[in-house]
Amino acid sequence: MPKRNLRFVKRVRNVPVLGICEYCKAQFSGDPAMGNAQSAIQAQFNVHKCKPEDAGQPAARAVPEGK
């Protein structure tokens, strides 16, 4: 299982405003006008529970072709 990692993907005036969890692709945003956008995004990331994006899909099965 890959380790969770927060990646900032959008910045406004060099202030992070959007981050994603690289494991489950959850998105976290912050308001650059508040002055604490990076810490707000980090806090959202820290409390979220990862749900892999393909967790709800059944596993693919190979079906042999009939002759």
N, C-alpha and C. Protein backbone atom coordinates (compact mmCIF):
# COMPACT_ATOMS: atom_id res chain seq x y z
N MET A 1 0.85 -1.18 0.00
CA MET A 1 0.00 0.00 0.00
C MET A 1 0.89 1.24 0.00
N PRO A 2 0.71 2.13 -0.97
CA PRO A 2 1.52 3.35 -1.01
C PRO A 2 1.23 4.24 0.20
N LYS A 3 2.22 4.97 0.61
CA LYS A 3 2.06 5.88 1.74
C LYS A 3 1.29 7.12 1.31
N ARG A 4 0.46 7.64 2.22
CA ARG A 4 -0.26 8.88 1.94
C ARG A 4 0.74 10.01 1.80
N ASN A 5 0.45 10.91 0.87
CA ASN A 5 1.33 12.05 0.67
C ASN A 5 0.49 13.23 0.18
N LEU A 6 0.67 14.38 0.80
CA LEU A 6 -0.03 15.60 0.39
C LEU A 6 0.82 16.30 -0.66
N ARG A 7 0.19 16.61 -1.80
CA ARG A 7 0.89 17.33 -2.87
C ARG A 7 0.10 18.59 -3.18
N PHE A 8 0.78 19.74 -3.15
CA PHE A 8 0.13 21.00 -3.50
C PHE A 8 0.13 21.12 -5.01
N VAL A 9 -1.05 21.32 -5.60
CA VAL A 9 -1.16 21.33 -7.06
C VAL A 9 -1.53 22.69 -7.63
N LYS A 10 -1.94 23.63 -6.77
CA LYS A 10 -2.27 24.96 -7.27
C LYS A 10 -1.83 26.00 -6.25
N ARG A 11 -1.23 27.06 -6.76
CA ARG A 11 -0.78 28.18 -5.92
C ARG A 11 -1.29 29.49 -6.50
N VAL A 12 -1.57 30.43 -5.61
CA VAL A 12 -1.95 31.78 -6.00
C VAL A 12 -0.97 32.72 -5.30
N ARG A 13 -0.23 33.48 -6.08
CA ARG A 13 0.80 34.37 -5.53
C ARG A 13 1.73 33.60 -4.58
N ASN A 14 2.13 32.40 -5.02
CA ASN A 14 3.05 31.52 -4.30
C ASN A 14 2.49 31.00 -2.97
N VAL A 15 1.18 31.07 -2.78
CA VAL A 15 0.53 30.51 -1.59
C VAL A 15 -0.27 29.29 -2.03
N PRO A 16 -0.05 28.12 -1.40
CA PRO A 16 -0.81 26.93 -1.79
C PRO A 16 -2.30 27.12 -1.53
N VAL A 17 -3.13 26.81 -2.52
CA VAL A 17 -4.58 26.93 -2.35
C VAL A 17 -5.30 25.61 -2.62
N LEU A 18 -4.60 24.63 -3.22
CA LEU A 18 -5.23 23.34 -3.50
C LEU A 18 -4.19 22.24 -3.34
N GLY A 19 -4.56 21.23 -2.56
CA GLY A 19 -3.69 20.07 -2.38
C GLY A 19 -4.48 18.80 -2.62
N ILE A 20 -3.77 17.73 -2.95
CA ILE A 20 -4.43 16.43 -3.13
C ILE A 20 -3.65 15.36 -2.37
N CYS A 21 -4.38 14.33 -1.95
CA CYS A 21 -3.76 13.14 -1.38
C CYS A 21 -3.35 12.27 -2.55
N GLU A 22 -2.08 11.94 -2.65
CA GLU A 22 -1.60 11.15 -3.78
C GLU A 22 -2.09 9.70 -3.73
N TYR A 23 -2.58 9.24 -2.57
CA TYR A 23 -3.06 7.86 -2.46
C TYR A 23 -4.52 7.73 -2.90
N CYS A 24 -5.40 8.59 -2.36
CA CYS A 24 -6.83 8.44 -2.66
C CYS A 24 -7.39 9.55 -3.54
N LYS A 25 -6.58 10.53 -3.89
CA LYS A 25 -6.95 11.64 -4.78
C LYS A 25 -7.97 12.60 -4.17
N ALA A 26 -8.13 12.58 -2.84
CA ALA A 26 -9.01 13.55 -2.18
C ALA A 26 -8.40 14.95 -2.34
N GLN A 27 -9.26 15.96 -2.46
CA GLN A 27 -8.79 17.33 -2.66
C GLN A 27 -9.06 18.17 -1.42
N PHE A 28 -8.15 19.09 -1.13
CA PHE A 28 -8.24 19.98 0.03
C PHE A 28 -7.92 21.39 -0.44
N SER A 29 -8.72 22.36 0.01
CA SER A 29 -8.49 23.72 -0.44
C SER A 29 -8.38 24.67 0.75
N GLY A 30 -7.74 25.80 0.49
CA GLY A 30 -7.58 26.84 1.49
C GLY A 30 -7.74 28.20 0.85
N ASP A 31 -8.07 29.20 1.67
CA ASP A 31 -8.28 30.56 1.18
C ASP A 31 -6.99 31.36 1.36
N PRO A 32 -6.36 31.78 0.27
CA PRO A 32 -5.09 32.51 0.40
C PRO A 32 -5.24 33.85 1.10
N ALA A 33 -6.44 34.42 1.10
CA ALA A 33 -6.65 35.71 1.74
C ALA A 33 -6.61 35.61 3.27
N MET A 34 -6.83 34.42 3.80
CA MET A 34 -6.85 34.25 5.26
C MET A 34 -5.44 34.19 5.85
N GLY A 35 -4.44 33.93 5.03
CA GLY A 35 -3.07 33.91 5.52
C GLY A 35 -2.62 32.59 6.11
N ASN A 36 -3.52 31.62 6.21
CA ASN A 36 -3.15 30.32 6.77
C ASN A 36 -3.57 29.18 5.85
N ALA A 37 -3.55 29.43 4.56
CA ALA A 37 -4.05 28.44 3.59
C ALA A 37 -3.27 27.13 3.69
N GLN A 38 -1.95 27.20 3.77
CA GLN A 38 -1.16 25.97 3.79
C GLN A 38 -1.45 25.16 5.05
N SER A 39 -1.54 25.80 6.20
CA SER A 39 -1.82 25.05 7.42
C SER A 39 -3.25 24.51 7.44
N ALA A 40 -4.20 25.24 6.82
CA ALA A 40 -5.58 24.76 6.74
C ALA A 40 -5.66 23.52 5.84
N ILE A 41 -4.94 23.54 4.73
CA ILE A 41 -4.91 22.38 3.83
C ILE A 41 -4.25 21.20 4.53
N GLN A 42 -3.16 21.45 5.22
CA GLN A 42 -2.46 20.38 5.94
C GLN A 42 -3.36 19.77 7.02
N ALA A 43 -4.12 20.59 7.73
CA ALA A 43 -5.03 20.09 8.76
C ALA A 43 -6.12 19.22 8.16
N GLN A 44 -6.68 19.65 7.02
CA GLN A 44 -7.71 18.84 6.35
C GLN A 44 -7.13 17.49 5.93
N PHE A 45 -5.92 17.50 5.39
CA PHE A 45 -5.26 16.27 4.97
C PHE A 45 -5.03 15.34 6.17
N ASN A 46 -4.58 15.90 7.28
CA ASN A 46 -4.26 15.09 8.46
C ASN A 46 -5.46 14.36 9.02
N VAL A 47 -6.66 14.95 8.93
CA VAL A 47 -7.84 14.31 9.53
C VAL A 47 -8.61 13.43 8.56
N HIS A 48 -8.30 13.48 7.26
CA HIS A 48 -9.08 12.69 6.31
C HIS A 48 -8.70 11.21 6.38
N LYS A 49 -9.65 10.37 6.01
CA LYS A 49 -9.44 8.92 5.95
C LYS A 49 -9.37 8.52 4.48
N CYS A 50 -8.29 7.88 4.09
CA CYS A 50 -8.11 7.49 2.69
C CYS A 50 -9.09 6.41 2.28
N LYS A 51 -9.66 6.64 1.11
CA LYS A 51 -10.49 5.64 0.45
C LYS A 51 -9.95 5.57 -0.97
N PRO A 52 -9.21 4.51 -1.31
CA PRO A 52 -8.66 4.43 -2.67
C PRO A 52 -9.75 4.62 -3.71
N GLU A 53 -9.41 5.32 -4.79
CA GLU A 53 -10.42 5.67 -5.79
C GLU A 53 -11.07 4.47 -6.45
N ASP A 54 -10.42 3.30 -6.42
CA ASP A 54 -11.02 2.12 -7.04
C ASP A 54 -11.55 1.13 -6.00
N ALA A 55 -11.70 1.54 -4.75
CA ALA A 55 -12.12 0.63 -3.68
C ALA A 55 -13.54 0.10 -3.89
N GLY A 56 -14.41 0.86 -4.51
CA GLY A 56 -15.79 0.44 -4.68
C GLY A 56 -16.04 -0.40 -5.91
N GLN A 57 -15.03 -0.60 -6.72
CA GLN A 57 -15.22 -1.34 -7.96
C GLN A 57 -14.81 -2.80 -7.77
N PRO A 58 -15.58 -3.73 -8.32
CA PRO A 58 -15.21 -5.14 -8.20
C PRO A 58 -13.94 -5.43 -9.00
N ALA A 59 -13.22 -6.44 -8.56
CA ALA A 59 -12.00 -6.82 -9.26
C ALA A 59 -12.33 -7.39 -10.63
N ALA A 60 -11.50 -7.09 -11.60
CA ALA A 60 -11.71 -7.60 -12.96
C ALA A 60 -11.38 -9.09 -12.99
N ARG A 61 -12.19 -9.85 -13.71
CA ARG A 61 -11.96 -11.28 -13.83
C ARG A 61 -11.74 -11.63 -15.29
N ALA A 62 -10.81 -12.54 -15.51
CA ALA A 62 -10.57 -13.02 -16.87
C ALA A 62 -11.53 -14.16 -17.15
N VAL A 63 -12.24 -14.07 -18.24
CA VAL A 63 -13.18 -15.11 -18.64
C VAL A 63 -12.64 -15.77 -19.90
N PRO A 64 -12.37 -17.09 -19.83
CA PRO A 64 -11.84 -17.76 -21.02
C PRO A 64 -12.88 -17.79 -22.14
N GLU A 65 -12.39 -17.67 -23.36
CA GLU A 65 -13.28 -17.71 -24.52
C GLU A 65 -13.62 -19.15 -24.85
N GLY A 66 -14.89 -19.40 -25.20
CA GLY A 66 -15.32 -20.75 -25.57
C GLY A 66 -14.97 -21.06 -27.02
N LYS A 67 -14.74 -22.34 -27.32
CA LYS A 67 -14.41 -22.73 -28.70
C LYS A 67 -15.61 -23.29 -29.40
